[in-house]
Amino acid sequence: MLASFHRPLIGIAGDMRQFNGIDVHGVSHRYVTAVIEGSDGIPVMLASIGTEESGGLYPQDALLDRLDGLLLTGGRSNVEPHHYEGKPFRDGTLRDPMRDATTLPLVRAALAGGVPLFGICRGIQEMNVALGGSLHPYLWEVEGARDHRMRIIAPMEERTALRHPVRCIPGGLFERWARDAGLDPRGFMVNSLHGQGLDRLAPGVVVEALADDGVVEGIRIDTARGFAVGVQWHAEHGARGHPFSEVLFARFGEACRARAIARTARDRVA
């Protein structure tokens, strides 16, 4: 590990959850360890309290000015359709409006401020919606799409196991990273734990990887000033052990560390 002075502070988007009937802010331990082990970063959980832009508490620019990277996590809840002019959710669909009110403005602010941005599962969906794209709210009902949902009743090892191949778009960033990882960019296996998927792509969103059924599995933001990547699979489960996910967290960490060094130098001058 590098000296702690240059280890980046990485914000991890949390969810509003219930524990023993009490509302709590939480994030899976997998994301915390992935930031530490995969990106050599210091994790900072961000509570879902909304930003000033959305009527909440975070002044997003001041918050991001103190961070070196932003990790958008997966979660059981789904981005509400009104954010992309979709039809209302059916009864029983899990939602987290405070998470939406936090992450969607933070995506735009992070991109505007050049803060490294990495979205996983719900996170890739938030990136697309924040920039003007839309989602398939019930992906398993889309003609030709496989059922990508997590097998909830199965043991954890089976839930997070590799389930389908993805192929990288020729000439893209992911193709190069796959080769760096010793993988065939024409097809390597990933896990699958999601019920929503990208539909209409937002301006600036470039597809980097597709599942064998055509579902978008990887993107980058071509208008970003730095690292801005999203994947639909749960890369945090492979931050140690899955070659491509290891590369993802390593590249994210490098971008965050470069910002940490620049931020430290700026603060010293100030």
Protein backbone atom coordinates (compact mmCIF):
# COMPACT_ATOMS: atom_id res chain seq x y z
CA MET A 1 0.00 0.00 0.00
CA LEU A 2 1.05 3.58 -0.59
CA ALA A 3 1.58 6.05 2.22
CA SER A 4 -1.75 6.82 3.83
CA PHE A 5 -1.17 10.50 3.04
CA HIS A 6 -1.89 9.77 -0.63
CA ARG A 7 -4.54 7.08 -0.18
CA PRO A 8 -7.69 8.48 -1.77
CA LEU A 9 -10.92 9.18 0.09
CA ILE A 10 -13.63 7.34 -1.83
CA GLY A 11 -17.28 8.07 -1.15
CA ILE A 12 -19.55 5.01 -1.24
CA ALA A 13 -23.24 5.66 -1.88
CA GLY A 14 -25.38 4.12 0.85
CA ASP A 15 -29.04 3.09 0.99
CA MET A 16 -31.86 3.77 3.41
CA ARG A 17 -32.74 0.42 4.97
CA GLN A 18 -34.67 -1.04 7.89
CA PHE A 19 -33.03 -3.01 10.68
CA ASN A 20 -35.26 -4.33 13.46
CA GLY A 21 -37.88 -1.79 12.45
CA ILE A 22 -35.46 1.13 12.57
CA ASP A 23 -34.46 3.20 9.53
CA VAL A 24 -30.70 2.96 9.02
CA HIS A 25 -28.17 4.04 6.42
CA GLY A 26 -26.10 1.14 5.17
CA VAL A 27 -23.82 -0.30 2.52
CA SER A 28 -22.65 -3.87 1.88
CA HIS A 29 -19.31 -4.76 3.43
CA ARG A 30 -18.26 -6.05 0.00
CA TYR A 31 -18.01 -2.50 -1.34
CA VAL A 32 -15.99 -1.38 1.65
CA THR A 33 -13.44 -4.17 1.26
CA ALA A 34 -13.35 -3.69 -2.53
CA VAL A 35 -12.38 -0.03 -2.08
CA ILE A 36 -9.71 -0.94 0.46
CA GLU A 37 -8.26 -4.01 -1.27
CA GLY A 38 -9.04 -3.29 -4.91
CA SER A 39 -8.48 0.48 -5.08
CA ASP A 40 -6.18 1.04 -2.07
CA GLY A 41 -8.63 3.70 -0.93
CA ILE A 42 -10.16 4.88 2.32
CA PRO A 43 -13.93 4.24 2.21
CA VAL A 44 -16.35 6.95 3.34
CA MET A 45 -20.03 5.96 3.44
CA LEU A 46 -22.40 8.63 2.11
CA ALA A 47 -25.80 8.61 3.80
CA SER A 48 -28.84 8.97 1.53
CA ILE A 49 -30.00 12.40 2.67
CA GLY A 50 -30.33 14.15 -0.69
CA THR A 51 -28.35 17.06 -2.07
CA GLU A 52 -29.16 20.75 -2.01
CA GLU A 53 -30.06 20.48 -5.69
CA SER A 54 -32.76 17.92 -4.83
CA GLY A 55 -33.94 19.65 -1.66
CA GLY A 56 -31.74 17.61 0.69
CA LEU A 57 -28.80 18.36 2.96
CA TYR A 58 -25.60 17.72 0.98
CA PRO A 59 -24.01 20.73 -0.72
CA GLN A 60 -22.81 18.49 -3.54
CA ASP A 61 -19.90 20.63 -4.76
CA ALA A 62 -18.48 21.08 -1.26
CA LEU A 63 -18.87 17.35 -0.59
CA LEU A 64 -17.16 16.25 -3.79
CA ASP A 65 -14.38 18.79 -3.26
CA ARG A 66 -13.36 16.69 -0.23
CA LEU A 67 -13.51 13.33 -2.03
CA ASP A 68 -11.17 11.69 -4.51
CA GLY A 69 -13.68 9.31 -6.01
CA LEU A 70 -17.33 8.28 -5.95
CA LEU A 71 -18.53 4.65 -5.98
CA LEU A 72 -22.21 4.12 -6.80
CA THR A 73 -23.27 0.80 -5.34
CA GLY A 74 -25.93 -1.74 -6.18
CA GLY A 75 -28.94 -2.27 -3.96
CA ARG A 76 -32.33 -3.93 -3.67
CA SER A 77 -34.19 -0.72 -4.51
CA ASN A 78 -34.72 0.64 -8.02
CA VAL A 79 -34.45 4.10 -9.56
CA GLU A 80 -37.96 5.56 -9.65
CA PRO A 81 -39.37 5.79 -13.21
CA HIS A 82 -40.47 9.42 -12.90
CA HIS A 83 -36.79 10.37 -13.19
CA TYR A 84 -36.88 9.21 -16.82
CA GLU A 85 -40.56 9.88 -17.57
CA GLY A 86 -41.45 6.20 -17.23
CA LYS A 87 -44.65 4.61 -15.98
CA PRO A 88 -45.04 4.33 -12.17
CA PHE A 89 -43.74 1.20 -10.49
CA ARG A 90 -46.09 -1.66 -9.77
CA ASP A 91 -47.01 -2.32 -6.16
CA GLY A 92 -44.28 -4.19 -4.34
CA THR A 93 -41.37 -2.78 -6.34
CA LEU A 94 -38.64 -1.68 -3.95
CA ARG A 95 -37.66 1.98 -4.14
CA ASP A 96 -35.45 4.42 -2.26
CA PRO A 97 -36.37 8.03 -3.14
CA MET A 98 -33.73 9.46 -0.79
CA ARG A 99 -31.05 7.46 -2.58
CA ASP A 100 -32.29 8.83 -5.92
CA ALA A 101 -32.23 12.35 -4.47
CA THR A 102 -28.63 11.81 -3.40
CA THR A 103 -26.96 9.95 -6.24
CA LEU A 104 -28.54 11.46 -9.35
CA PRO A 105 -27.35 15.02 -8.58
CA LEU A 106 -23.98 13.66 -7.39
CA VAL A 107 -23.42 11.94 -10.75
CA ARG A 108 -23.83 15.24 -12.59
CA ALA A 109 -21.71 17.14 -10.06
CA ALA A 110 -18.94 14.50 -10.11
CA LEU A 111 -18.73 14.63 -13.88
CA ALA A 112 -18.71 18.42 -13.87
CA GLY A 113 -15.95 18.44 -11.25
CA GLY A 114 -13.78 15.72 -12.76
CA VAL A 115 -14.25 13.38 -9.79
CA PRO A 116 -13.57 9.72 -10.72
CA LEU A 117 -16.90 7.89 -10.91
CA PHE A 118 -17.55 4.14 -10.81
CA GLY A 119 -21.09 2.74 -10.96
CA ILE A 120 -22.04 -0.86 -10.16
CA CYS A 121 -25.49 -2.38 -10.88
CA ARG A 122 -27.89 0.30 -9.59
CA GLY A 123 -24.93 2.64 -10.04
CA ILE A 124 -24.68 2.17 -13.81
CA GLN A 125 -28.43 2.75 -14.00
CA GLU A 126 -28.11 5.96 -11.97
CA MET A 127 -25.40 7.21 -14.30
CA ASN A 128 -27.60 6.69 -17.34
CA VAL A 129 -30.72 8.22 -15.76
CA ALA A 130 -28.83 11.21 -14.29
CA LEU A 131 -27.65 12.14 -17.79
CA GLY A 132 -31.05 11.77 -19.46
CA GLY A 133 -31.34 8.07 -20.28
CA SER A 134 -34.01 5.54 -19.34
CA LEU A 135 -34.30 2.02 -17.90
CA HIS A 136 -36.18 -1.22 -18.41
CA PRO A 137 -37.85 -1.47 -14.97
CA TYR A 138 -38.71 -5.16 -15.43
CA LEU A 139 -35.91 -6.44 -17.61
CA TRP A 140 -36.95 -10.10 -17.43
CA GLU A 141 -40.13 -9.20 -19.36
CA VAL A 142 -38.24 -7.65 -22.29
CA GLU A 143 -38.39 -9.87 -25.35
CA GLY A 144 -35.10 -11.67 -25.91
CA ALA A 145 -33.61 -10.78 -22.51
CA ARG A 146 -32.67 -13.48 -20.04
CA ASP A 147 -33.71 -13.29 -16.39
CA HIS A 148 -30.77 -11.49 -14.78
CA ARG A 149 -32.26 -11.39 -11.28
CA MET A 150 -30.49 -12.69 -8.21
CA ARG A 151 -31.59 -16.14 -6.99
CA ILE A 152 -32.59 -14.95 -3.53
CA ILE A 153 -33.31 -18.35 -1.98
CA ALA A 154 -29.96 -19.82 -3.08
CA PRO A 155 -26.81 -19.86 -0.91
CA MET A 156 -24.70 -16.73 -1.23
CA GLU A 157 -22.00 -18.53 -3.22
CA GLU A 158 -24.59 -19.54 -5.81
CA ARG A 159 -26.27 -16.10 -5.86
CA THR A 160 -23.01 -14.36 -6.73
CA ALA A 161 -21.61 -17.07 -9.04
CA LEU A 162 -20.66 -16.35 -12.66
CA ARG A 163 -23.76 -16.79 -14.81
CA HIS A 164 -23.35 -15.42 -18.33
CA PRO A 165 -20.71 -14.10 -20.73
CA VAL A 166 -20.14 -10.51 -21.77
CA ARG A 167 -18.30 -9.31 -24.85
CA CYS A 168 -16.41 -6.06 -25.13
CA ILE A 169 -17.04 -3.66 -27.98
CA PRO A 170 -14.10 -3.80 -30.42
CA GLY A 171 -11.76 -0.84 -30.11
CA GLY A 172 -13.17 0.20 -26.74
CA LEU A 173 -11.67 0.79 -23.34
CA PHE A 174 -13.00 -2.50 -21.94
CA GLU A 175 -11.45 -4.46 -24.78
CA ARG A 176 -8.02 -3.12 -23.81
CA TRP A 177 -8.63 -3.76 -20.12
CA ALA A 178 -9.79 -7.32 -20.82
CA ARG A 179 -6.52 -8.01 -22.60
CA ASP A 180 -4.64 -6.43 -19.70
CA ALA A 181 -6.46 -8.91 -17.45
CA GLY A 182 -5.51 -11.87 -19.65
CA LEU A 183 -9.12 -12.38 -20.79
CA ASP A 184 -10.64 -12.86 -24.23
CA PRO A 185 -12.59 -9.61 -24.86
CA ARG A 186 -14.95 -11.53 -27.15
CA GLY A 187 -16.41 -13.29 -24.10
CA PHE A 188 -15.75 -13.74 -20.40
CA MET A 189 -18.08 -14.68 -17.56
CA VAL A 190 -19.64 -12.33 -15.00
CA ASN A 191 -22.29 -12.64 -12.29
CA SER A 192 -25.84 -11.35 -12.74
CA LEU A 193 -27.89 -9.83 -9.91
CA HIS A 194 -30.25 -7.23 -11.36
CA GLY A 195 -33.86 -6.80 -12.39
CA GLN A 196 -33.51 -3.48 -14.21
CA GLY A 197 -31.35 -2.63 -17.20
CA LEU A 198 -30.41 0.25 -19.45
CA ASP A 199 -32.90 1.13 -22.17
CA ARG A 200 -32.42 4.49 -23.95
CA LEU A 201 -28.83 5.62 -23.61
CA ALA A 202 -28.17 9.14 -22.36
CA PRO A 203 -26.07 11.56 -24.42
CA GLY A 204 -22.40 10.85 -23.80
CA VAL A 205 -22.97 7.25 -22.65
CA VAL A 206 -20.88 4.83 -24.73
CA VAL A 207 -21.49 1.08 -24.57
CA GLU A 208 -18.35 -0.88 -23.67
CA ALA A 209 -19.75 -4.37 -23.05
CA LEU A 210 -22.87 -6.40 -23.81
CA ALA A 211 -24.31 -9.62 -22.38
CA ASP A 212 -25.02 -12.49 -24.76
CA ASP A 213 -28.69 -11.40 -24.86
CA GLY A 214 -27.81 -7.82 -25.83
CA VAL A 215 -28.27 -6.26 -22.37
CA VAL A 216 -25.82 -3.42 -21.73
CA GLU A 217 -23.25 -4.60 -19.17
CA GLY A 218 -20.60 -1.87 -19.35
CA ILE A 219 -20.42 1.83 -20.21
CA ARG A 220 -18.14 4.83 -20.09
CA ILE A 221 -19.02 8.52 -20.26
CA ASP A 222 -17.12 9.97 -23.20
CA THR A 223 -17.69 13.57 -22.10
CA ALA A 224 -16.07 12.96 -18.70
CA ARG A 225 -12.78 14.64 -17.78
CA GLY A 226 -11.50 11.45 -16.18
CA PHE A 227 -12.53 7.97 -15.07
CA ALA A 228 -16.31 7.53 -15.48
CA VAL A 229 -17.27 3.88 -15.92
CA GLY A 230 -20.24 1.70 -15.03
CA VAL A 231 -20.87 -2.05 -15.05
CA GLN A 232 -24.12 -3.93 -14.61
CA TRP A 233 -22.60 -6.95 -12.89
CA HIS A 234 -21.53 -6.91 -9.24
CA ALA A 235 -17.82 -6.28 -9.64
CA GLU A 236 -17.34 -5.83 -5.88
CA HIS A 237 -17.61 -9.62 -5.50
CA GLY A 238 -14.60 -10.01 -7.78
CA ALA A 239 -12.37 -7.16 -6.62
CA ARG A 240 -10.10 -9.99 -5.48
CA GLY A 241 -10.50 -13.03 -7.71
CA HIS A 242 -12.19 -11.94 -10.96
CA PRO A 243 -9.53 -10.66 -13.39
CA PHE A 244 -11.62 -7.97 -15.08
CA SER A 245 -13.20 -6.72 -11.86
CA GLU A 246 -9.73 -6.49 -10.37
CA VAL A 247 -8.67 -4.28 -13.28
CA LEU A 248 -11.77 -2.11 -12.84
CA PHE A 249 -11.04 -1.40 -9.18
CA ALA A 250 -7.33 -0.94 -9.86
CA ARG A 251 -7.93 1.64 -12.62
CA PHE A 252 -10.52 3.40 -10.46
CA GLY A 253 -8.01 3.51 -7.61
CA GLU A 254 -5.31 4.95 -9.87
CA ALA A 255 -7.64 7.74 -10.98
CA CYS A 256 -8.68 8.46 -7.39
CA ARG A 257 -5.07 8.48 -6.22
CA ALA A 258 -4.09 10.97 -8.93
CA ARG A 259 -6.87 13.26 -7.72
CA ALA A 260 -5.76 12.80 -4.09
CA ILE A 261 -2.22 13.87 -4.97
CA ALA A 262 -3.46 16.88 -6.92
CA ARG A 263 -5.91 17.80 -4.15
CA THR A 264 -3.20 17.56 -1.51
CA ALA A 265 -0.89 19.80 -3.54
CA ARG A 266 -3.70 22.32 -4.03
CA ASP A 267 -4.51 22.39 -0.33
CA ARG A 268 -0.86 22.94 0.55
CA VAL A 269 -0.68 25.95 -1.77
CA ALA A 270 -3.94 27.32 -0.35
